[in-house]
C-alpha cells in the first residue's frame, strides 16, 4: 500500500495497499497480497495483469506493473497512479492467467488511457482510470469475465476480497501466483481517524483488520480489484505501509465514480 507513493498493488498474503504518492513505506508501485492465500484466475476471471515497459527501453520485455479489472470486453478499470505520466504504447493487458509474468493468457494492446481529470497524486483522490483496449477480449466466462460494478458503497464490517500479484510484505518480493485475501470494510469515518487530517474522501473506501493487521494489499497490487458480494467496489489505491493494525488499506470507491465511468464508456 503506498501511503504516498505509486504502488502497483499485486495481492500479497497479507494484502497491503500501496499508492503512487504514498507507498507502503516504499516508493515502488509494486506489491502483493499480505496474509492471503494462493488462488487461480478461474476464481477471479475479471482480474488482469497490466504490464509495462519504459518508453526509453523499447527492447525490454513488458513486466507486471499493476492490476486491473475487466468491466467490458473493451475496457479495463485500474488506478490513475498506475498510468500517470505514461502513454498507451507502454502497456499491455494480459487476461486469463494466474501468473504474474506468464504468457499463457490473452495479450492485448492498450489504445487509450482515460485518467480521471481531477486525480491528485499528492492525496490520491480520484485515483481511477480506464484503459481502452486495442482489440476486444475474447470473454469466455471461465478465465475471462466481466465484473459488475457496485453502485452503492459497502458498509462498515462487510467482508471484501482483494486479489493481485503484489508483495507479501512491505518491500518484499512479488508473488508469481495470483493471491487473494479477505478483509472487512472499515467505515470512512474510522479510517479517517486512523489517517487524520481529512485524508479519506468520499471517493475512497477502506478495508483491513483494524487493531490487528496482518492482511492487506501491498506493492504491486495497485489498480486491482476489491470486491464485495460478487461486485467491484474498490480499486487498490494507497495506504500506510502494508497490513498495519493502525492503518487500513485505501481504495478508490467505485460507486462514487459510477457516473464518470459510464460517461467515459459512452454508457455501454
C-alpha atoms as a PDB file:
ATOM      1  CA  UNK A   1       0.000   0.000   0.000  1.00  0.00           C
ATOM      2  CA  UNK A   2       1.625   3.173  -0.966  1.00  0.00           C
ATOM      3  CA  UNK A   3       0.660   5.814   1.584  1.00  0.00           C
ATOM      4  CA  UNK A   4       2.355   8.374  -0.578  1.00  0.00           C
ATOM      5  CA  UNK A   5       3.743   6.513  -3.498  1.00  0.00           C
ATOM      6  CA  UNK A   6       2.630   4.722  -6.604  1.00  0.00           C
ATOM      7  CA  UNK A   7       2.146   1.192  -5.870  1.00  0.00           C
ATOM      8  CA  UNK A   8       1.135  -1.490  -8.185  1.00  0.00           C
ATOM      9  CA  UNK A   9      -0.863  -3.471  -5.777  1.00  0.00           C
ATOM     10  CA  UNK A  10      -0.450  -7.062  -6.608  1.00  0.00           C
ATOM     11  CA  UNK A  11      -2.082  -9.226  -3.984  1.00  0.00           C
ATOM     12  CA  UNK A  12       0.209 -10.366  -1.187  1.00  0.00           C
ATOM     13  CA  UNK A  13      -0.501 -12.805   1.563  1.00  0.00           C
ATOM     14  CA  UNK A  14      -1.449 -10.031   3.897  1.00  0.00           C
ATOM     15  CA  UNK A  15      -2.789  -7.625   1.366  1.00  0.00           C
ATOM     16  CA  UNK A  16      -1.104  -4.339   1.865  1.00  0.00           C
ATOM     17  CA  UNK A  17      -2.062  -1.321  -0.161  1.00  0.00           C
ATOM     18  CA  UNK A  18       0.485   0.966  -1.651  1.00  0.00           C
ATOM     19  CA  UNK A  19      -0.140   4.034  -3.697  1.00  0.00           C
ATOM     20  CA  UNK A  20       1.840   6.181  -6.072  1.00  0.00           C
ATOM     21  CA  UNK A  21       2.274   9.172  -3.867  1.00  0.00           C
ATOM     22  CA  UNK A  22       2.429   7.306  -0.612  1.00  0.00           C
ATOM     23  CA  UNK A  23       3.890   3.841  -0.893  1.00  0.00           C
ATOM     24  CA  UNK A  24       3.656   1.249   1.739  1.00  0.00           C
ATOM     25  CA  UNK A  25       6.890   2.661   3.044  1.00  0.00           C
ATOM     26  CA  UNK A  26       8.494   2.079  -0.249  1.00  0.00           C
ATOM     27  CA  UNK A  27       8.302   4.265  -3.320  1.00  0.00           C
ATOM     28  CA  UNK A  28       7.510   1.487  -5.740  1.00  0.00           C
ATOM     29  CA  UNK A  29       4.143   0.895  -7.376  1.00  0.00           C
ATOM     30  CA  UNK A  30       4.636  -2.837  -6.999  1.00  0.00           C
ATOM     31  CA  UNK A  31       3.246  -5.077  -4.278  1.00  0.00           C
ATOM     32  CA  UNK A  32       1.368  -8.222  -3.398  1.00  0.00           C
ATOM     33  CA  UNK A  33      -1.213  -9.606  -1.048  1.00  0.00           C
ATOM     34  CA  UNK A  34      -0.232  -9.942   2.570  1.00  0.00           C
ATOM     35  CA  UNK A  35      -1.741 -12.650   4.785  1.00  0.00           C
ATOM     36  CA  UNK A  36      -3.722 -14.119   1.920  1.00  0.00           C
ATOM     37  CA  UNK A  37      -3.915 -17.371   0.010  1.00  0.00           C
ATOM     38  CA  UNK A  38      -2.899 -18.714  -3.376  1.00  0.00           C
ATOM     39  CA  UNK A  39      -5.713 -18.864  -5.898  1.00  0.00           C
ATOM     40  CA  UNK A  40      -6.477 -19.292  -9.594  1.00  0.00           C
ATOM     41  CA  UNK A  41      -7.801 -16.902 -12.201  1.00  0.00           C
ATOM     42  CA  UNK A  42     -10.911 -19.074 -12.600  1.00  0.00           C
ATOM     43  CA  UNK A  43     -11.969 -17.714  -9.204  1.00  0.00           C
ATOM     44  CA  UNK A  44     -11.125 -14.133 -10.235  1.00  0.00           C
ATOM     45  CA  UNK A  45     -11.736 -14.148 -14.017  1.00  0.00           C
ATOM     46  CA  UNK A  46     -12.075 -10.355 -14.084  1.00  0.00           C
ATOM     47  CA  UNK A  47      -8.503  -9.874 -12.803  1.00  0.00           C
ATOM     48  CA  UNK A  48      -5.883  -8.748 -15.313  1.00  0.00           C
ATOM     49  CA  UNK A  49      -2.156  -8.101 -15.180  1.00  0.00           C
ATOM     50  CA  UNK A  50      -1.218  -4.669 -16.504  1.00  0.00           C
ATOM     51  CA  UNK A  51       2.279  -4.942 -17.932  1.00  0.00           C
ATOM     52  CA  UNK A  52       4.539  -2.039 -18.763  1.00  0.00           C
ATOM     53  CA  UNK A  53       7.920  -1.206 -20.216  1.00  0.00           C
ATOM     54  CA  UNK A  54       9.795   2.065 -20.033  1.00  0.00           C
ATOM     55  CA  UNK A  55       9.456   4.258 -23.093  1.00  0.00           C
ATOM     56  CA  UNK A  56      13.242   4.708 -23.024  1.00  0.00           C
ATOM     57  CA  UNK A  57      13.842   0.935 -23.226  1.00  0.00           C
ATOM     58  CA  UNK A  58      11.765  -0.283 -26.195  1.00  0.00           C
ATOM     59  CA  UNK A  59      13.707  -3.554 -26.424  1.00  0.00           C
ATOM     60  CA  UNK A  60      12.909  -4.558 -22.861  1.00  0.00           C
ATOM     61  CA  UNK A  61      10.041  -7.001 -22.177  1.00  0.00           C
ATOM     62  CA  UNK A  62       6.745  -5.895 -20.683  1.00  0.00           C
ATOM     63  CA  UNK A  63       6.590  -6.782 -16.990  1.00  0.00           C
ATOM     64  CA  UNK A  64       3.788  -6.739 -14.422  1.00  0.00           C
ATOM     65  CA  UNK A  65       3.221  -3.237 -13.128  1.00  0.00           C
ATOM     66  CA  UNK A  66      -0.343  -3.079 -11.745  1.00  0.00           C
ATOM     67  CA  UNK A  67      -3.591  -4.945 -11.579  1.00  0.00           C
ATOM     68  CA  UNK A  68      -6.932  -4.109 -13.129  1.00  0.00           C
ATOM     69  CA  UNK A  69     -10.464  -5.395 -13.673  1.00  0.00           C
ATOM     70  CA  UNK A  70     -12.404  -6.335 -16.811  1.00  0.00           C
ATOM     71  CA  UNK A  71     -15.582  -4.234 -16.843  1.00  0.00           C
ATOM     72  CA  UNK A  72     -16.316  -4.608 -20.553  1.00  0.00           C
ATOM     73  CA  UNK A  73     -14.670  -6.560 -23.370  1.00  0.00           C
ATOM     74  CA  UNK A  74     -13.097  -3.283 -24.459  1.00  0.00           C
ATOM     75  CA  UNK A  75     -12.370  -1.627 -21.093  1.00  0.00           C
ATOM     76  CA  UNK A  76     -10.224  -2.211 -18.023  1.00  0.00           C
ATOM     77  CA  UNK A  77     -10.668  -0.289 -14.774  1.00  0.00           C
ATOM     78  CA  UNK A  78      -7.454   0.478 -12.891  1.00  0.00           C
ATOM     79  CA  UNK A  79      -5.836   3.171 -10.735  1.00  0.00           C
ATOM     80  CA  UNK A  80      -4.788   6.561 -12.075  1.00  0.00           C
ATOM     81  CA  UNK A  81      -1.474   6.300 -10.234  1.00  0.00           C
ATOM     82  CA  UNK A  82      -0.663   3.236 -12.342  1.00  0.00           C
ATOM     83  CA  UNK A  83      -0.820   5.143 -15.614  1.00  0.00           C
ATOM     84  CA  UNK A  84       0.044   8.755 -14.852  1.00  0.00           C
ATOM     85  CA  UNK A  85       2.988  10.100 -16.892  1.00  0.00           C
ATOM     86  CA  UNK A  86       2.812   7.083 -19.231  1.00  0.00           C
ATOM     87  CA  UNK A  87       1.489   6.575 -22.757  1.00  0.00           C
ATOM     88  CA  UNK A  88      -0.748   3.778 -24.021  1.00  0.00           C
ATOM     89  CA  UNK A  89       2.003   2.087 -26.045  1.00  0.00           C
ATOM     90  CA  UNK A  90       3.903   1.361 -22.821  1.00  0.00           C
ATOM     91  CA  UNK A  91       1.215  -1.054 -21.653  1.00  0.00           C
ATOM     92  CA  UNK A  92      -0.235  -4.429 -22.481  1.00  0.00           C
ATOM     93  CA  UNK A  93      -3.114  -6.145 -20.717  1.00  0.00           C
ATOM     94  CA  UNK A  94      -2.829  -9.868 -20.000  1.00  0.00           C
ATOM     95  CA  UNK A  95      -6.103 -11.616 -19.118  1.00  0.00           C
ATOM     96  CA  UNK A  96      -6.882 -15.216 -18.275  1.00  0.00           C
ATOM     97  CA  UNK A  97      -3.653 -16.057 -16.445  1.00  0.00           C
ATOM     98  CA  UNK A  98      -2.886 -16.914 -12.816  1.00  0.00           C
ATOM     99  CA  UNK A  99       0.776 -15.982 -13.125  1.00  0.00           C
ATOM    100  CA  UNK A 100       2.499 -12.637 -12.810  1.00  0.00           C
ATOM    101  CA  UNK A 101       4.701 -12.660 -15.887  1.00  0.00           C
ATOM    102  CA  UNK A 102       3.492 -15.720 -17.802  1.00  0.00           C
ATOM    103  CA  UNK A 103       2.346 -15.518 -21.412  1.00  0.00           C
ATOM    104  CA  UNK A 104      -0.341 -18.204 -21.162  1.00  0.00           C
ATOM    105  CA  UNK A 105      -3.145 -15.663 -21.125  1.00  0.00           C
ATOM    106  CA  UNK A 106      -4.624 -13.418 -23.801  1.00  0.00           C
ATOM    107  CA  UNK A 107      -2.410 -10.403 -24.507  1.00  0.00           C
ATOM    108  CA  UNK A 108      -3.935  -7.215 -25.909  1.00  0.00           C
ATOM    109  CA  UNK A 109      -2.608  -3.733 -26.517  1.00  0.00           C
ATOM    110  CA  UNK A 110      -3.868  -0.567 -24.856  1.00  0.00           C
ATOM    111  CA  UNK A 111      -5.059   2.008 -27.367  1.00  0.00           C
ATOM    112  CA  UNK A 112      -6.014   4.806 -24.991  1.00  0.00           C
ATOM    113  CA  UNK A 113      -5.651   5.815 -21.344  1.00  0.00           C
ATOM    114  CA  UNK A 114      -8.540   7.732 -19.765  1.00  0.00           C
ATOM    115  CA  UNK A 115      -7.357   9.032 -16.407  1.00  0.00           C
ATOM    116  CA  UNK A 116      -9.691  10.912 -14.094  1.00  0.00           C
ATOM    117  CA  UNK A 117      -9.278  14.595 -14.853  1.00  0.00           C
ATOM    118  CA  UNK A 118      -9.141  15.517 -11.158  1.00  0.00           C
ATOM    119  CA  UNK A 119      -6.714  12.870  -9.983  1.00  0.00           C
ATOM    120  CA  UNK A 120      -4.482  14.380  -7.297  1.00  0.00           C
ATOM    121  CA  UNK A 121      -1.192  12.475  -6.894  1.00  0.00           C
ATOM    122  CA  UNK A 122      -0.483  14.243  -3.601  1.00  0.00           C
ATOM    123  CA  UNK A 123      -3.654  12.933  -1.926  1.00  0.00           C
ATOM    124  CA  UNK A 124      -4.653  10.040  -4.218  1.00  0.00           C
ATOM    125  CA  UNK A 125      -8.107  11.491  -4.541  1.00  0.00           C
ATOM    126  CA  UNK A 126      -9.863  10.407  -7.785  1.00  0.00           C
ATOM    127  CA  UNK A 127      -7.343   7.582  -8.204  1.00  0.00           C
ATOM    128  CA  UNK A 128      -9.177   5.862 -11.045  1.00  0.00           C
ATOM    129  CA  UNK A 129      -8.605   5.325 -14.752  1.00  0.00           C
ATOM    130  CA  UNK A 130      -9.946   3.408 -17.739  1.00  0.00           C
ATOM    131  CA  UNK A 131      -7.859   1.579 -20.313  1.00  0.00           C
ATOM    132  CA  UNK A 132      -9.332   1.268 -23.795  1.00  0.00           C
ATOM    133  CA  UNK A 133      -8.175  -1.972 -25.399  1.00  0.00           C
ATOM    134  CA  UNK A 134      -6.815  -2.208 -28.922  1.00  0.00           C
ATOM    135  CA  UNK A 135      -8.957  -5.294 -29.559  1.00  0.00           C
ATOM    136  CA  UNK A 136     -11.859  -6.867 -27.633  1.00  0.00           C
ATOM    137  CA  UNK A 137     -11.067  -9.551 -25.084  1.00  0.00           C
ATOM    138  CA  UNK A 138     -12.432 -12.980 -26.080  1.00  0.00           C
ATOM    139  CA  UNK A 139     -14.509 -13.349 -22.936  1.00  0.00           C
ATOM    140  CA  UNK A 140     -15.267 -16.982 -22.083  1.00  0.00           C
ATOM    141  CA  UNK A 141     -16.925 -16.646 -18.645  1.00  0.00           C
ATOM    142  CA  UNK A 142     -14.312 -19.040 -17.267  1.00  0.00           C
ATOM    143  CA  UNK A 143     -10.896 -17.393 -17.186  1.00  0.00           C
ATOM    144  CA  UNK A 144     -12.056 -14.045 -18.610  1.00  0.00           C
ATOM    145  CA  UNK A 145     -15.272 -12.471 -17.441  1.00  0.00           C
ATOM    146  CA  UNK A 146     -16.745  -9.011 -16.870  1.00  0.00           C
ATOM    147  CA  UNK A 147     -17.364  -7.998 -13.262  1.00  0.00           C
ATOM    148  CA  UNK A 148     -20.408  -5.937 -12.354  1.00  0.00           C
ATOM    149  CA  UNK A 149     -19.761  -2.511 -10.866  1.00  0.00           C
ATOM    150  CA  UNK A 150     -21.045  -1.720  -7.390  1.00  0.00           C
ATOM    151  CA  UNK A 151     -23.482   1.199  -7.334  1.00  0.00           C
ATOM    152  CA  UNK A 152     -23.516   1.674  -3.549  1.00  0.00           C
ATOM    153  CA  UNK A 153     -20.506   1.658  -1.274  1.00  0.00           C
ATOM    154  CA  UNK A 154     -20.221  -1.389   1.011  1.00  0.00           C
ATOM    155  CA  UNK A 155     -20.911  -0.894   4.703  1.00  0.00           C
ATOM    156  CA  UNK A 156     -18.571  -0.948   7.667  1.00  0.00           C
ATOM    157  CA  UNK A 157     -17.880  -4.579   8.549  1.00  0.00           C
ATOM    158  CA  UNK A 158     -18.872  -6.063   5.186  1.00  0.00           C
ATOM    159  CA  UNK A 159     -16.352  -8.667   4.029  1.00  0.00           C
ATOM    160  CA  UNK A 160     -14.353  -7.857   0.925  1.00  0.00           C
ATOM    161  CA  UNK A 161     -11.851  -9.779  -1.174  1.00  0.00           C
ATOM    162  CA  UNK A 162      -8.737  -8.324  -2.787  1.00  0.00           C
ATOM    163  CA  UNK A 163      -6.620 -10.100  -5.373  1.00  0.00           C
ATOM    164  CA  UNK A 164      -3.326  -9.472  -7.123  1.00  0.00           C
ATOM    165  CA  UNK A 165       0.336 -10.277  -7.607  1.00  0.00           C
ATOM    166  CA  UNK A 166       1.845  -7.793  -5.192  1.00  0.00           C
ATOM    167  CA  UNK A 167       4.398  -8.308  -2.442  1.00  0.00           C
ATOM    168  CA  UNK A 168       3.603 -10.440   0.583  1.00  0.00           C
ATOM    169  CA  UNK A 169       5.219  -7.922   2.885  1.00  0.00           C
ATOM    170  CA  UNK A 170       6.362  -4.295   2.595  1.00  0.00           C
ATOM    171  CA  UNK A 171       9.422  -4.138   0.382  1.00  0.00           C
ATOM    172  CA  UNK A 172       9.320  -7.895  -0.161  1.00  0.00           C
ATOM    173  CA  UNK A 173       9.294  -9.959  -3.338  1.00  0.00           C
ATOM    174  CA  UNK A 174       6.257 -10.084  -5.593  1.00  0.00           C
ATOM    175  CA  UNK A 175       4.228 -13.258  -5.954  1.00  0.00           C
ATOM    176  CA  UNK A 176       4.248 -15.173  -9.237  1.00  0.00           C
ATOM    177  CA  UNK A 177       0.992 -16.935  -8.328  1.00  0.00           C
ATOM    178  CA  UNK A 178      -2.234 -14.950  -8.065  1.00  0.00           C
ATOM    179  CA  UNK A 179      -3.100 -14.313  -4.415  1.00  0.00           C
ATOM    180  CA  UNK A 180      -6.224 -13.175  -2.619  1.00  0.00           C
ATOM    181  CA  UNK A 181      -7.139 -12.009   0.864  1.00  0.00           C
ATOM    182  CA  UNK A 182     -10.403 -11.422   2.714  1.00  0.00           C
ATOM    183  CA  UNK A 183     -10.706  -8.334   4.915  1.00  0.00           C
ATOM    184  CA  UNK A 184     -13.608  -6.332   6.371  1.00  0.00           C
ATOM    185  CA  UNK A 185     -14.582  -2.883   5.154  1.00  0.00           C
ATOM    186  CA  UNK A 186     -13.648  -0.079   7.555  1.00  0.00           C
ATOM    187  CA  UNK A 187     -16.011   2.905   7.583  1.00  0.00           C
ATOM    188  CA  UNK A 188     -14.596   6.139   6.171  1.00  0.00           C
ATOM    189  CA  UNK A 189     -15.047   7.976   9.459  1.00  0.00           C
ATOM    190  CA  UNK A 190     -12.984   5.421  11.360  1.00  0.00           C
ATOM    191  CA  UNK A 191     -10.434   5.230   8.565  1.00  0.00           C
ATOM    192  CA  UNK A 192     -10.036   8.999   8.550  1.00  0.00           C
ATOM    193  CA  UNK A 193      -9.388   8.901  12.285  1.00  0.00           C
ATOM    194  CA  UNK A 194      -6.538   6.489  11.590  1.00  0.00           C
ATOM    195  CA  UNK A 195      -5.000   8.610   8.843  1.00  0.00           C
ATOM    196  CA  UNK A 196      -6.067  12.004  10.165  1.00  0.00           C
ATOM    197  CA  UNK A 197      -6.340  15.403   8.529  1.00  0.00           C
ATOM    198  CA  UNK A 198      -9.290  14.639   6.283  1.00  0.00           C
ATOM    199  CA  UNK A 199      -7.206  12.224   4.218  1.00  0.00           C
ATOM    200  CA  UNK A 200     -10.142   9.937   3.416  1.00  0.00           C
ATOM    201  CA  UNK A 201     -12.508  11.497   0.876  1.00  0.00           C
ATOM    202  CA  UNK A 202     -15.918  10.307  -0.423  1.00  0.00           C
ATOM    203  CA  UNK A 203     -14.042   8.945  -3.448  1.00  0.00           C
ATOM    204  CA  UNK A 204     -12.242   6.447  -1.210  1.00  0.00           C
ATOM    205  CA  UNK A 205     -13.139   3.417   0.866  1.00  0.00           C
ATOM    206  CA  UNK A 206     -11.052   1.430   3.322  1.00  0.00           C
ATOM    207  CA  UNK A 207     -10.587  -2.209   4.268  1.00  0.00           C
ATOM    208  CA  UNK A 208      -8.389  -4.031   6.770  1.00  0.00           C
ATOM    209  CA  UNK A 209      -8.136  -5.663  10.173  1.00  0.00           C
ATOM    210  CA  UNK A 210      -8.200  -2.583  12.364  1.00  0.00           C
ATOM    211  CA  UNK A 211      -6.281  -3.165  15.593  1.00  0.00           C
ATOM    212  CA  UNK A 212      -4.960  -6.493  14.329  1.00  0.00           C
ATOM    213  CA  UNK A 213      -3.392  -6.084  10.887  1.00  0.00           C
ATOM    214  CA  UNK A 214      -1.685  -8.905   9.017  1.00  0.00           C
ATOM    215  CA  UNK A 215      -3.929  -8.882   5.943  1.00  0.00           C
ATOM    216  CA  UNK A 216      -3.869  -6.293   3.184  1.00  0.00           C
ATOM    217  CA  UNK A 217      -2.925  -5.415  -0.361  1.00  0.00           C
ATOM    218  CA  UNK A 218       0.657  -4.315  -0.949  1.00  0.00           C
ATOM    219  CA  UNK A 219       3.073  -3.019  -3.547  1.00  0.00           C
ATOM    220  CA  UNK A 220       2.214  -4.436  -6.960  1.00  0.00           C
ATOM    221  CA  UNK A 221      -1.485  -4.861  -6.198  1.00  0.00           C
ATOM    222  CA  UNK A 222      -2.285  -1.290  -7.230  1.00  0.00           C
ATOM    223  CA  UNK A 223      -5.143  -0.892  -9.664  1.00  0.00           C
ATOM    224  CA  UNK A 224      -6.505  -4.324  -8.800  1.00  0.00           C
ATOM    225  CA  UNK A 225      -9.981  -5.244  -7.584  1.00  0.00           C
ATOM    226  CA  UNK A 226     -11.677  -5.146  -4.212  1.00  0.00           C
ATOM    227  CA  UNK A 227     -14.979  -6.997  -4.412  1.00  0.00           C
ATOM    228  CA  UNK A 228     -17.970  -7.458  -2.135  1.00  0.00           C
ATOM    229  CA  UNK A 229     -20.868  -9.739  -2.943  1.00  0.00           C
ATOM    230  CA  UNK A 230     -19.505 -10.502  -6.391  1.00  0.00           C
ATOM    231  CA  UNK A 231     -19.377  -6.843  -7.444  1.00  0.00           C
ATOM    232  CA  UNK A 232     -16.420  -4.494  -7.963  1.00  0.00           C
ATOM    233  CA  UNK A 233     -16.442  -1.902  -5.192  1.00  0.00           C
ATOM    234  CA  UNK A 234     -12.837  -0.778  -4.927  1.00  0.00           C
ATOM    235  CA  UNK A 235      -9.623  -0.199  -6.858  1.00  0.00           C
ATOM    236  CA  UNK A 236      -6.389  -0.723  -4.912  1.00  0.00           C
ATOM    237  CA  UNK A 237      -5.012   2.754  -4.342  1.00  0.00           C
ATOM    238  CA  UNK A 238      -2.833   3.602  -1.338  1.00  0.00           C
ATOM    239  CA  UNK A 239      -2.096   3.079   2.345  1.00  0.00           C
ATOM    240  CA  UNK A 240       0.483   3.353   5.113  1.00  0.00           C
ATOM    241  CA  UNK A 241       2.911   0.526   4.522  1.00  0.00           C
ATOM    242  CA  UNK A 242       1.032  -2.792   4.321  1.00  0.00           C
ATOM    243  CA  UNK A 243      -1.204  -4.716   6.723  1.00  0.00           C
ATOM    244  CA  UNK A 244      -0.588  -2.446   9.693  1.00  0.00           C
ATOM    245  CA  UNK A 245      -3.066  -2.734  12.586  1.00  0.00           C
ATOM    246  CA  UNK A 246      -3.200   1.071  12.752  1.00  0.00           C
ATOM    247  CA  UNK A 247      -3.885   1.881   9.083  1.00  0.00           C
ATOM    248  CA  UNK A 248      -6.363   0.068   6.792  1.00  0.00           C
ATOM    249  CA  UNK A 249      -5.740  -0.098   3.057  1.00  0.00           C
ATOM    250  CA  UNK A 250      -7.381   2.616   0.972  1.00  0.00           C
ATOM    251  CA  UNK A 251      -9.203   2.060  -2.330  1.00  0.00           C
ATOM    252  CA  UNK A 252     -10.924   4.174  -4.940  1.00  0.00           C
ATOM    253  CA  UNK A 253     -14.667   3.928  -4.253  1.00  0.00           C
ATOM    254  CA  UNK A 254     -16.169   2.576  -7.500  1.00  0.00           C
ATOM    255  CA  UNK A 255     -19.732   3.566  -6.619  1.00  0.00           C
ATOM    256  CA  UNK A 256     -18.621   7.181  -6.224  1.00  0.00           C
ATOM    257  CA  UNK A 257     -17.273   7.154  -9.783  1.00  0.00           C
ATOM    258  CA  UNK A 258     -20.035   5.152 -11.470  1.00  0.00           C
ATOM    259  CA  UNK A 259     -21.350   8.144 -13.457  1.00  0.00           C
ATOM    260  CA  UNK A 260     -17.830   9.078 -14.552  1.00  0.00           C
ATOM    261  CA  UNK A 261     -17.154   5.508 -15.689  1.00  0.00           C
ATOM    262  CA  UNK A 262     -20.378   5.254 -17.684  1.00  0.00           C
ATOM    263  CA  UNK A 263     -19.844   8.658 -19.265  1.00  0.00           C
ATOM    264  CA  UNK A 264     -16.338   7.753 -20.413  1.00  0.00           C
ATOM    265  CA  UNK A 265     -17.551   4.438 -21.778  1.00  0.00           C
ATOM    266  CA  UNK A 266     -20.418   6.102 -23.602  1.00  0.00           C
ATOM    267  CA  UNK A 267     -22.958   4.366 -21.378  1.00  0.00           C
ATOM    268  CA  UNK A 268     -22.086   0.997 -22.902  1.00  0.00           C
END
